[in-house]
Amino acid sequence: MASTCCVNSPMNVKANSLSPSCSTKPKHILATHLSFASNNASFSLNLHENPRFQKTRSPKVVNFQVVASSAKTKPLKIMISGAPASGKGTQCELITKKYGLVHIAAGDLLRAEIASGSENGKRAKEYMEKGQLVPDEIVVMMVKERLSQPDSLEKGWLLDGYPRSSSQATALKKFGFQPDLFILLEVSEDILVERVVGRRLDPVTGKIYHLKYSPPETEEIAARLTQRFDDTEEKVKLRLRTHHQNVEAVLSMYENITIKVNGNVAKEDVFIQIDNALTKLLEQKKTALAA
């Protein structure tokens, strides 16, 4: 019988730092708006903004050696999901750093395909220029092709924030892509709202600050900070409702391989939970290989 494993931190620590996404360095981004959708879910991303900006400082984690699957052990295949401001980007960075997995995010793939002028990118751009959502089949093909690349097959992969609907999960399964583990970051709504509403962007450097958790270094920087138009309490709650609906649809596909991680605690403690689960998974793979 399928069951869901809940992993909770042994420490009851209140979140004391902003859980950012991935990178601080601004990158050249196409000046347009990006969207894609499926039967049950849609994805929208402003290409003026690079989600990789959502990092305020390097995660404070004790140095560790990279842990990768051995040559004989099948590489890890991981999916991770979390609401906006859940700290998913930070955890993706920590996971890839320790386990050497290939980090794959659908939004990044879509931007890259458009920038490269690939066939999928051209098709996606046509829809976007008409103000329409990019069909799910195009995005699924992009994800499929990236998962099929030699580095993903050799090192294993970490699929970030995708699939977003049961139809997307079904399509990946038909292509033969089934994760070993589905990680769901669970953070209470009041903490998520506080994290989002307090976020500010430095338009000069692209760096993300937080008025409470990571304030600007100088008054000069503070004076020029801006807030995203949708970083309001009303709009973030709407985004959270959409996220929860999408997750519920996907969880039914991965119920027996899902771990729910307590994301209310400090990012170091969140990673301890994930690290324990991945370490156990690797041990199970090695045991199965030896049997």
C-alpha atoms as a PDB file:
ATOM      1  CA  MET A   1       0.000   0.000   0.000  1.00  0.00           C
ATOM      2  CA  ALA A   2       1.302   3.454  -0.919  1.00  0.00           C
ATOM      3  CA  SER A   3       2.348   5.621   1.950  1.00  0.00           C
ATOM      4  CA  THR A   4       3.805   9.061   2.446  1.00  0.00           C
ATOM      5  CA  CYS A   5       6.888   9.458   4.590  1.00  0.00           C
ATOM      6  CA  CYS A   6       7.098  12.628   6.666  1.00  0.00           C
ATOM      7  CA  VAL A   7      10.540  13.804   7.709  1.00  0.00           C
ATOM      8  CA  ASN A   8      10.662  16.364  10.477  1.00  0.00           C
ATOM      9  CA  SER A   9      13.646  18.208  11.847  1.00  0.00           C
ATOM     10  CA  PRO A  10      14.741  17.118  15.313  1.00  0.00           C
ATOM     11  CA  MET A  11      15.185  20.755  16.179  1.00  0.00           C
ATOM     12  CA  ASN A  12      12.307  23.113  16.749  1.00  0.00           C
ATOM     13  CA  VAL A  13      14.029  26.186  15.378  1.00  0.00           C
ATOM     14  CA  LYS A  14      12.182  29.161  14.081  1.00  0.00           C
ATOM     15  CA  ALA A  15      13.249  30.262  10.601  1.00  0.00           C
ATOM     16  CA  ASN A  16      15.839  32.956  11.116  1.00  0.00           C
ATOM     17  CA  SER A  17      17.015  33.580   7.609  1.00  0.00           C
ATOM     18  CA  LEU A  18      15.544  34.220   4.232  1.00  0.00           C
ATOM     19  CA  SER A  19      15.479  31.111   2.095  1.00  0.00           C
ATOM     20  CA  PRO A  20      16.629  32.446  -1.253  1.00  0.00           C
ATOM     21  CA  SER A  21      16.624  30.802  -4.628  1.00  0.00           C
ATOM     22  CA  CYS A  22      19.906  30.192  -6.366  1.00  0.00           C
ATOM     23  CA  SER A  23      22.312  32.849  -7.641  1.00  0.00           C
ATOM     24  CA  THR A  24      23.280  36.431  -6.948  1.00  0.00           C
ATOM     25  CA  LYS A  25      24.883  37.245 -10.273  1.00  0.00           C
ATOM     26  CA  PRO A  26      22.587  38.950 -12.802  1.00  0.00           C
ATOM     27  CA  LYS A  27      22.435  37.294 -16.188  1.00  0.00           C
ATOM     28  CA  HIS A  28      21.297  38.547 -19.590  1.00  0.00           C
ATOM     29  CA  ILE A  29      17.602  37.776 -19.874  1.00  0.00           C
ATOM     30  CA  LEU A  30      15.256  38.250 -22.816  1.00  0.00           C
ATOM     31  CA  ALA A  31      12.967  41.228 -22.272  1.00  0.00           C
ATOM     32  CA  THR A  32       9.622  39.516 -22.556  1.00  0.00           C
ATOM     33  CA  HIS A  33       7.117  37.547 -20.523  1.00  0.00           C
ATOM     34  CA  LEU A  34       7.170  33.803 -20.413  1.00  0.00           C
ATOM     35  CA  SER A  35       4.263  31.491 -19.698  1.00  0.00           C
ATOM     36  CA  PHE A  36       3.338  27.895 -20.181  1.00  0.00           C
ATOM     37  CA  ALA A  37       0.440  25.763 -19.105  1.00  0.00           C
ATOM     38  CA  SER A  38      -1.013  22.292 -18.984  1.00  0.00           C
ATOM     39  CA  ASN A  39      -4.516  21.000 -18.537  1.00  0.00           C
ATOM     40  CA  ASN A  40      -4.330  21.545 -14.793  1.00  0.00           C
ATOM     41  CA  ALA A  41      -1.567  24.023 -14.196  1.00  0.00           C
ATOM     42  CA  SER A  42       0.075  27.067 -15.661  1.00  0.00           C
ATOM     43  CA  PHE A  43       3.472  28.664 -15.297  1.00  0.00           C
ATOM     44  CA  SER A  44       4.254  32.324 -15.735  1.00  0.00           C
ATOM     45  CA  LEU A  45       7.638  33.991 -15.509  1.00  0.00           C
ATOM     46  CA  ASN A  46       8.747  37.506 -16.252  1.00  0.00           C
ATOM     47  CA  LEU A  47      11.908  37.278 -18.307  1.00  0.00           C
ATOM     48  CA  HIS A  48      12.993  40.729 -17.126  1.00  0.00           C
ATOM     49  CA  GLU A  49      13.607  39.000 -13.827  1.00  0.00           C
ATOM     50  CA  ASN A  50      16.013  36.167 -13.314  1.00  0.00           C
ATOM     51  CA  PRO A  51      14.783  33.842 -10.557  1.00  0.00           C
ATOM     52  CA  ARG A  52      18.414  33.071  -9.892  1.00  0.00           C
ATOM     53  CA  PHE A  53      18.601  36.564  -8.342  1.00  0.00           C
ATOM     54  CA  GLN A  54      16.753  35.239  -5.339  1.00  0.00           C
ATOM     55  CA  LYS A  55      19.784  34.680  -3.206  1.00  0.00           C
ATOM     56  CA  THR A  56      21.071  37.009  -0.596  1.00  0.00           C
ATOM     57  CA  ARG A  57      24.054  35.113   0.717  1.00  0.00           C
ATOM     58  CA  SER A  58      25.770  31.777   0.471  1.00  0.00           C
ATOM     59  CA  PRO A  59      24.219  29.027   2.574  1.00  0.00           C
ATOM     60  CA  LYS A  60      26.054  28.494   5.839  1.00  0.00           C
ATOM     61  CA  VAL A  61      26.688  24.791   5.756  1.00  0.00           C
ATOM     62  CA  VAL A  62      29.689  22.936   7.057  1.00  0.00           C
ATOM     63  CA  ASN A  63      31.997  21.893   4.228  1.00  0.00           C
ATOM     64  CA  PHE A  64      31.254  18.428   2.950  1.00  0.00           C
ATOM     65  CA  GLN A  65      32.638  16.126   0.310  1.00  0.00           C
ATOM     66  CA  VAL A  66      30.675  15.533  -2.850  1.00  0.00           C
ATOM     67  CA  VAL A  67      28.695  12.323  -2.584  1.00  0.00           C
ATOM     68  CA  ALA A  68      27.941  10.800  -5.959  1.00  0.00           C
ATOM     69  CA  SER A  69      26.578   7.445  -7.024  1.00  0.00           C
ATOM     70  CA  SER A  70      29.298   4.907  -7.683  1.00  0.00           C
ATOM     71  CA  ALA A  71      29.974   3.705 -11.191  1.00  0.00           C
ATOM     72  CA  LYS A  72      27.864   0.584 -10.612  1.00  0.00           C
ATOM     73  CA  THR A  73      25.061   2.197  -8.618  1.00  0.00           C
ATOM     74  CA  LYS A  74      22.303   3.832 -10.622  1.00  0.00           C
ATOM     75  CA  PRO A  75      22.392   7.630 -10.221  1.00  0.00           C
ATOM     76  CA  LEU A  76      19.822   9.447  -8.127  1.00  0.00           C
ATOM     77  CA  LYS A  77      16.700  10.816  -9.794  1.00  0.00           C
ATOM     78  CA  ILE A  78      15.047  13.433  -7.590  1.00  0.00           C
ATOM     79  CA  MET A  79      12.107  15.818  -7.905  1.00  0.00           C
ATOM     80  CA  ILE A  80      11.615  18.725  -5.522  1.00  0.00           C
ATOM     81  CA  SER A  81       8.605  20.974  -5.030  1.00  0.00           C
ATOM     82  CA  GLY A  82       7.965  23.959  -2.802  1.00  0.00           C
ATOM     83  CA  ALA A  83       5.842  27.084  -2.644  1.00  0.00           C
ATOM     84  CA  PRO A  84       7.210  30.530  -3.514  1.00  0.00           C
ATOM     85  CA  ALA A  85       9.756  31.549  -0.831  1.00  0.00           C
ATOM     86  CA  SER A  86       9.877  28.018   0.571  1.00  0.00           C
ATOM     87  CA  GLY A  87      13.662  27.981   0.192  1.00  0.00           C
ATOM     88  CA  LYS A  88      13.586  25.483  -2.658  1.00  0.00           C
ATOM     89  CA  GLY A  89      16.330  27.260  -4.590  1.00  0.00           C
ATOM     90  CA  THR A  90      18.704  27.146  -1.634  1.00  0.00           C
ATOM     91  CA  GLN A  91      18.048  23.455  -1.082  1.00  0.00           C
ATOM     92  CA  CYS A  92      18.588  22.714  -4.778  1.00  0.00           C
ATOM     93  CA  GLU A  93      21.972  24.387  -4.558  1.00  0.00           C
ATOM     94  CA  LEU A  94      22.945  22.377  -1.475  1.00  0.00           C
ATOM     95  CA  ILE A  95      21.751  19.101  -2.986  1.00  0.00           C
ATOM     96  CA  THR A  96      23.639  19.579  -6.250  1.00  0.00           C
ATOM     97  CA  LYS A  97      26.748  20.668  -4.375  1.00  0.00           C
ATOM     98  CA  LYS A  98      26.906  17.537  -2.241  1.00  0.00           C
ATOM     99  CA  TYR A  99      25.477  14.902  -4.569  1.00  0.00           C
ATOM    100  CA  GLY A 100      26.671  16.199  -7.943  1.00  0.00           C
ATOM    101  CA  LEU A 101      23.227  15.962  -9.550  1.00  0.00           C
ATOM    102  CA  VAL A 102      22.304  17.944 -12.654  1.00  0.00           C
ATOM    103  CA  HIS A 103      19.910  20.716 -11.596  1.00  0.00           C
ATOM    104  CA  ILE A 104      17.070  21.109 -14.097  1.00  0.00           C
ATOM    105  CA  ALA A 105      14.396  23.814 -13.856  1.00  0.00           C
ATOM    106  CA  ALA A 106      11.715  24.107 -16.535  1.00  0.00           C
ATOM    107  CA  GLY A 107      11.762  27.911 -16.503  1.00  0.00           C
ATOM    108  CA  ASP A 108      15.513  27.972 -17.110  1.00  0.00           C
ATOM    109  CA  LEU A 109      15.146  25.472 -19.940  1.00  0.00           C
ATOM    110  CA  LEU A 110      12.484  27.548 -21.657  1.00  0.00           C
ATOM    111  CA  ARG A 111      14.599  30.708 -21.472  1.00  0.00           C
ATOM    112  CA  ALA A 112      17.647  28.850 -22.778  1.00  0.00           C
ATOM    113  CA  GLU A 113      15.730  27.283 -25.663  1.00  0.00           C
ATOM    114  CA  ILE A 114      14.378  30.670 -26.732  1.00  0.00           C
ATOM    115  CA  ALA A 115      17.799  32.304 -26.475  1.00  0.00           C
ATOM    116  CA  SER A 116      19.445  29.528 -28.516  1.00  0.00           C
ATOM    117  CA  GLY A 117      16.849  29.697 -31.262  1.00  0.00           C
ATOM    118  CA  SER A 118      16.123  25.953 -31.101  1.00  0.00           C
ATOM    119  CA  GLU A 119      13.043  24.476 -32.746  1.00  0.00           C
ATOM    120  CA  ASN A 120      11.264  24.171 -29.403  1.00  0.00           C
ATOM    121  CA  GLY A 121      12.368  27.693 -28.505  1.00  0.00           C
ATOM    122  CA  LYS A 122      10.996  29.126 -31.756  1.00  0.00           C
ATOM    123  CA  ARG A 123       7.667  27.392 -31.229  1.00  0.00           C
ATOM    124  CA  ALA A 124       7.469  28.654 -27.650  1.00  0.00           C
ATOM    125  CA  LYS A 125       8.356  32.194 -28.710  1.00  0.00           C
ATOM    126  CA  GLU A 126       5.543  32.229 -31.270  1.00  0.00           C
ATOM    127  CA  TYR A 127       2.976  31.565 -28.567  1.00  0.00           C
ATOM    128  CA  MET A 128       4.526  34.097 -26.217  1.00  0.00           C
ATOM    129  CA  GLU A 129       4.570  36.856 -28.840  1.00  0.00           C
ATOM    130  CA  LYS A 130       0.835  36.305 -29.278  1.00  0.00           C
ATOM    131  CA  GLY A 131       0.347  36.579 -25.537  1.00  0.00           C
ATOM    132  CA  GLN A 132      -0.614  32.919 -25.293  1.00  0.00           C
ATOM    133  CA  LEU A 133       0.534  30.212 -22.903  1.00  0.00           C
ATOM    134  CA  VAL A 134       3.152  27.841 -24.233  1.00  0.00           C
ATOM    135  CA  PRO A 135       1.515  24.413 -24.725  1.00  0.00           C
ATOM    136  CA  ASP A 136       2.472  21.814 -22.194  1.00  0.00           C
ATOM    137  CA  GLU A 137       3.700  19.414 -24.889  1.00  0.00           C
ATOM    138  CA  ILE A 138       6.499  21.817 -25.837  1.00  0.00           C
ATOM    139  CA  VAL A 139       7.743  22.208 -22.277  1.00  0.00           C
ATOM    140  CA  VAL A 140       7.523  18.463 -21.637  1.00  0.00           C
ATOM    141  CA  MET A 141       9.694  17.848 -24.709  1.00  0.00           C
ATOM    142  CA  MET A 142      12.256  20.365 -23.438  1.00  0.00           C
ATOM    143  CA  VAL A 143      12.394  18.618 -20.071  1.00  0.00           C
ATOM    144  CA  LYS A 144      12.561  15.184 -21.733  1.00  0.00           C
ATOM    145  CA  GLU A 145      15.474  16.208 -23.939  1.00  0.00           C
ATOM    146  CA  ARG A 146      17.390  17.685 -20.992  1.00  0.00           C
ATOM    147  CA  LEU A 147      16.832  14.584 -18.852  1.00  0.00           C
ATOM    148  CA  SER A 148      18.150  12.510 -21.770  1.00  0.00           C
ATOM    149  CA  GLN A 149      21.461  14.378 -22.002  1.00  0.00           C
ATOM    150  CA  PRO A 150      24.605  12.361 -21.150  1.00  0.00           C
ATOM    151  CA  ASP A 151      25.386  14.360 -17.992  1.00  0.00           C
ATOM    152  CA  SER A 152      21.883  13.753 -16.594  1.00  0.00           C
ATOM    153  CA  LEU A 153      22.102  10.053 -17.354  1.00  0.00           C
ATOM    154  CA  GLU A 154      25.574   9.745 -15.858  1.00  0.00           C
ATOM    155  CA  LYS A 155      25.315  11.974 -12.777  1.00  0.00           C
ATOM    156  CA  GLY A 156      21.619  11.790 -12.031  1.00  0.00           C
ATOM    157  CA  TRP A 157      19.219  14.708 -11.958  1.00  0.00           C
ATOM    158  CA  LEU A 158      17.318  17.067  -9.673  1.00  0.00           C
ATOM    159  CA  LEU A 159      14.119  18.249 -11.356  1.00  0.00           C
ATOM    160  CA  ASP A 160      13.125  21.555  -9.780  1.00  0.00           C
ATOM    161  CA  GLY A 161       9.453  22.568  -9.558  1.00  0.00           C
ATOM    162  CA  TYR A 162       8.315  20.213 -12.287  1.00  0.00           C
ATOM    163  CA  PRO A 163       5.966  18.492 -13.031  1.00  0.00           C
ATOM    164  CA  ARG A 164       3.217  20.864 -11.942  1.00  0.00           C
ATOM    165  CA  SER A 165       0.233  18.705 -12.881  1.00  0.00           C
ATOM    166  CA  SER A 166      -0.775  15.072 -13.180  1.00  0.00           C
ATOM    167  CA  SER A 167      -0.764  15.368 -16.983  1.00  0.00           C
ATOM    168  CA  GLN A 168       2.860  16.524 -16.948  1.00  0.00           C
ATOM    169  CA  ALA A 169       3.799  13.722 -14.559  1.00  0.00           C
ATOM    170  CA  THR A 170       2.023  11.217 -16.789  1.00  0.00           C
ATOM    171  CA  ALA A 171       3.861  12.486 -19.861  1.00  0.00           C
ATOM    172  CA  LEU A 172       7.242  12.126 -18.126  1.00  0.00           C
ATOM    173  CA  LYS A 173       6.341   8.616 -17.008  1.00  0.00           C
ATOM    174  CA  LYS A 174       5.468   7.644 -20.595  1.00  0.00           C
ATOM    175  CA  PHE A 175       8.927   8.816 -21.638  1.00  0.00           C
ATOM    176  CA  GLY A 176      10.419   6.588 -18.964  1.00  0.00           C
ATOM    177  CA  PHE A 177      11.322   9.217 -16.382  1.00  0.00           C
ATOM    178  CA  GLN A 178      10.345   8.143 -12.885  1.00  0.00           C
ATOM    179  CA  PRO A 179      11.978   9.716  -9.804  1.00  0.00           C
ATOM    180  CA  ASP A 180      13.449   7.775  -6.911  1.00  0.00           C
ATOM    181  CA  LEU A 181      12.194  10.429  -4.507  1.00  0.00           C
ATOM    182  CA  PHE A 182       9.758  13.353  -4.546  1.00  0.00           C
ATOM    183  CA  ILE A 183      10.706  16.018  -1.991  1.00  0.00           C
ATOM    184  CA  LEU A 184       7.982  18.392  -0.826  1.00  0.00           C
ATOM    185  CA  LEU A 185       9.031  21.407   1.231  1.00  0.00           C
ATOM    186  CA  GLU A 186       6.261  22.334   3.653  1.00  0.00           C
ATOM    187  CA  VAL A 187       6.294  25.859   5.079  1.00  0.00           C
ATOM    188  CA  SER A 188       3.421  27.494   6.967  1.00  0.00           C
ATOM    189  CA  GLU A 189       1.557  30.204   5.101  1.00  0.00           C
ATOM    190  CA  ASP A 190       2.332  32.988   7.575  1.00  0.00           C
ATOM    191  CA  ILE A 191       6.085  32.403   7.206  1.00  0.00           C
ATOM    192  CA  LEU A 192       5.825  32.283   3.406  1.00  0.00           C
ATOM    193  CA  VAL A 193       3.868  35.534   3.331  1.00  0.00           C
ATOM    194  CA  GLU A 194       6.403  37.216   5.613  1.00  0.00           C
ATOM    195  CA  ARG A 195       9.292  36.058   3.432  1.00  0.00           C
ATOM    196  CA  VAL A 196       7.678  37.250   0.215  1.00  0.00           C
ATOM    197  CA  VAL A 197       6.249  40.577   1.381  1.00  0.00           C
ATOM    198  CA  GLY A 198       9.602  41.600   2.872  1.00  0.00           C
ATOM    199  CA  ARG A 199      11.608  40.880  -0.282  1.00  0.00           C
ATOM    200  CA  ARG A 200      13.267  43.758  -2.101  1.00  0.00           C
ATOM    201  CA  LEU A 201      15.325  43.909  -5.298  1.00  0.00           C
ATOM    202  CA  ASP A 202      18.382  46.049  -5.932  1.00  0.00           C
ATOM    203  CA  PRO A 203      17.879  47.069  -9.593  1.00  0.00           C
ATOM    204  CA  VAL A 204      21.567  47.909  -9.925  1.00  0.00           C
ATOM    205  CA  THR A 205      23.090  44.587  -8.820  1.00  0.00           C
ATOM    206  CA  GLY A 206      20.104  42.267  -9.114  1.00  0.00           C
ATOM    207  CA  LYS A 207      20.617  41.168  -5.525  1.00  0.00           C
ATOM    208  CA  ILE A 208      17.600  40.204  -3.433  1.00  0.00           C
ATOM    209  CA  TYR A 209      17.315  41.571   0.105  1.00  0.00           C
ATOM    210  CA  HIS A 210      14.796  41.068   2.865  1.00  0.00           C
ATOM    211  CA  LEU A 211      13.812  43.919   5.151  1.00  0.00           C
ATOM    212  CA  LYS A 212      13.906  41.646   8.203  1.00  0.00           C
ATOM    213  CA  TYR A 213      16.164  38.687   7.453  1.00  0.00           C
ATOM    214  CA  SER A 214      18.722  40.248   5.124  1.00  0.00           C
ATOM    215  CA  PRO A 215      18.560  44.072   5.146  1.00  0.00           C
ATOM    216  CA  PRO A 216      20.656  46.182   2.751  1.00  0.00           C
ATOM    217  CA  GLU A 217      24.204  47.021   3.798  1.00  0.00           C
ATOM    218  CA  THR A 218      23.926  50.786   3.331  1.00  0.00           C
ATOM    219  CA  GLU A 219      21.303  53.533   3.274  1.00  0.00           C
ATOM    220  CA  GLU A 220      22.223  54.232  -0.344  1.00  0.00           C
ATOM    221  CA  ILE A 221      21.256  50.696  -1.343  1.00  0.00           C
ATOM    222  CA  ALA A 222      18.122  50.826   0.815  1.00  0.00           C
ATOM    223  CA  ALA A 223      16.954  53.959  -0.970  1.00  0.00           C
ATOM    224  CA  ARG A 224      17.003  52.335  -4.404  1.00  0.00           C
ATOM    225  CA  LEU A 225      15.415  48.994  -3.523  1.00  0.00           C
ATOM    226  CA  THR A 226      12.226  48.052  -5.338  1.00  0.00           C
ATOM    227  CA  GLN A 227       9.456  45.545  -4.674  1.00  0.00           C
ATOM    228  CA  ARG A 228       7.986  43.171  -7.233  1.00  0.00           C
ATOM    229  CA  PHE A 229       4.435  44.088  -8.132  1.00  0.00           C
ATOM    230  CA  ASP A 230       3.188  40.656  -7.064  1.00  0.00           C
ATOM    231  CA  ASP A 231       5.084  40.529  -3.752  1.00  0.00           C
ATOM    232  CA  THR A 232       2.020  41.651  -1.848  1.00  0.00           C
ATOM    233  CA  GLU A 233       0.115  39.637   0.742  1.00  0.00           C
ATOM    234  CA  GLU A 234      -2.992  39.381  -1.422  1.00  0.00           C
ATOM    235  CA  LYS A 235      -1.148  38.179  -4.506  1.00  0.00           C
ATOM    236  CA  VAL A 236       1.179  35.817  -2.717  1.00  0.00           C
ATOM    237  CA  LYS A 237      -1.788  34.085  -1.085  1.00  0.00           C
ATOM    238  CA  LEU A 238      -3.316  33.647  -4.539  1.00  0.00           C
ATOM    239  CA  ARG A 239      -0.040  32.131  -5.796  1.00  0.00           C
ATOM    240  CA  LEU A 240       0.037  29.817  -2.786  1.00  0.00           C
ATOM    241  CA  ARG A 241      -3.464  28.547  -3.493  1.00  0.00           C
ATOM    242  CA  THR A 242      -2.455  27.749  -7.064  1.00  0.00           C
ATOM    243  CA  HIS A 243       0.678  26.005  -5.846  1.00  0.00           C
ATOM    244  CA  HIS A 244      -1.244  23.841  -3.375  1.00  0.00           C
ATOM    245  CA  GLN A 245      -3.730  22.809  -6.058  1.00  0.00           C
ATOM    246  CA  ASN A 246      -0.925  21.817  -8.417  1.00  0.00           C
ATOM    247  CA  VAL A 247       0.937  19.871  -5.732  1.00  0.00           C
ATOM    248  CA  GLU A 248      -2.141  17.899  -4.752  1.00  0.00           C
ATOM    249  CA  ALA A 249      -2.571  16.839  -8.372  1.00  0.00           C
ATOM    250  CA  VAL A 250       1.053  15.671  -8.632  1.00  0.00           C
ATOM    251  CA  LEU A 251       1.298  13.942  -5.251  1.00  0.00           C
ATOM    252  CA  SER A 252      -1.145  11.250  -6.335  1.00  0.00           C
ATOM    253  CA  MET A 253       1.431  10.160  -8.924  1.00  0.00           C
ATOM    254  CA  TYR A 254       4.320   9.973  -6.461  1.00  0.00           C
ATOM    255  CA  GLU A 255       2.558   9.166  -3.193  1.00  0.00           C
ATOM    256  CA  ASN A 256       4.688   6.144  -2.315  1.00  0.00           C
ATOM    257  CA  ILE A 257       8.022   7.944  -2.886  1.00  0.00           C
ATOM    258  CA  THR A 258       7.190  11.319  -1.312  1.00  0.00           C
ATOM    259  CA  ILE A 259       8.904  12.798   1.725  1.00  0.00           C
ATOM    260  CA  LYS A 260       7.475  15.908   3.340  1.00  0.00           C
ATOM    261  CA  VAL A 261      10.189  18.126   4.764  1.00  0.00           C
ATOM    262  CA  ASN A 262       9.640  20.684   7.510  1.00  0.00           C
ATOM    263  CA  GLY A 263      10.691  23.933   5.837  1.00  0.00           C
ATOM    264  CA  ASN A 264       9.786  26.216   8.748  1.00  0.00           C
ATOM    265  CA  VAL A 265      13.219  25.788  10.320  1.00  0.00           C
ATOM    266  CA  ALA A 266      16.586  27.265   9.382  1.00  0.00           C
ATOM    267  CA  LYS A 267      17.897  26.296   5.951  1.00  0.00           C
ATOM    268  CA  GLU A 268      20.727  24.257   7.494  1.00  0.00           C
ATOM    269  CA  ASP A 269      18.198  22.149   9.389  1.00  0.00           C
ATOM    270  CA  VAL A 270      16.026  21.770   6.290  1.00  0.00           C
ATOM    271  CA  PHE A 271      19.017  20.365   4.423  1.00  0.00           C
ATOM    272  CA  ILE A 272      19.783  17.920   7.237  1.00  0.00           C
ATOM    273  CA  GLN A 273      16.365  16.350   6.671  1.00  0.00           C
ATOM    274  CA  ILE A 274      16.877  16.114   2.909  1.00  0.00           C
ATOM    275  CA  ASP A 275      20.461  14.893   3.277  1.00  0.00           C
ATOM    276  CA  ASN A 276      19.359  12.091   5.601  1.00  0.00           C
ATOM    277  CA  ALA A 277      16.747  10.948   3.091  1.00  0.00           C
ATOM    278  CA  LEU A 278      19.164  11.001   0.145  1.00  0.00           C
ATOM    279  CA  THR A 279      21.863   9.208   2.118  1.00  0.00           C
ATOM    280  CA  LYS A 280      19.391   6.481   3.032  1.00  0.00           C
ATOM    281  CA  LEU A 281      18.283   6.231  -0.598  1.00  0.00           C
ATOM    282  CA  LEU A 282      21.862   5.756  -1.788  1.00  0.00           C
ATOM    283  CA  GLU A 283      22.408   3.054   0.830  1.00  0.00           C
ATOM    284  CA  GLN A 284      19.273   1.261  -0.366  1.00  0.00           C
ATOM    285  CA  LYS A 285      20.526   1.382  -3.952  1.00  0.00           C
ATOM    286  CA  LYS A 286      23.891  -0.079  -2.924  1.00  0.00           C
ATOM    287  CA  THR A 287      22.201  -2.817  -0.893  1.00  0.00           C
ATOM    288  CA  ALA A 288      19.924  -3.715  -3.803  1.00  0.00           C
ATOM    289  CA  LEU A 289      22.933  -3.856  -6.124  1.00  0.00           C
ATOM    290  CA  ALA A 290      24.811  -6.193  -3.788  1.00  0.00           C
ATOM    291  CA  ALA A 291      21.843  -8.512  -3.324  1.00  0.00           C
END
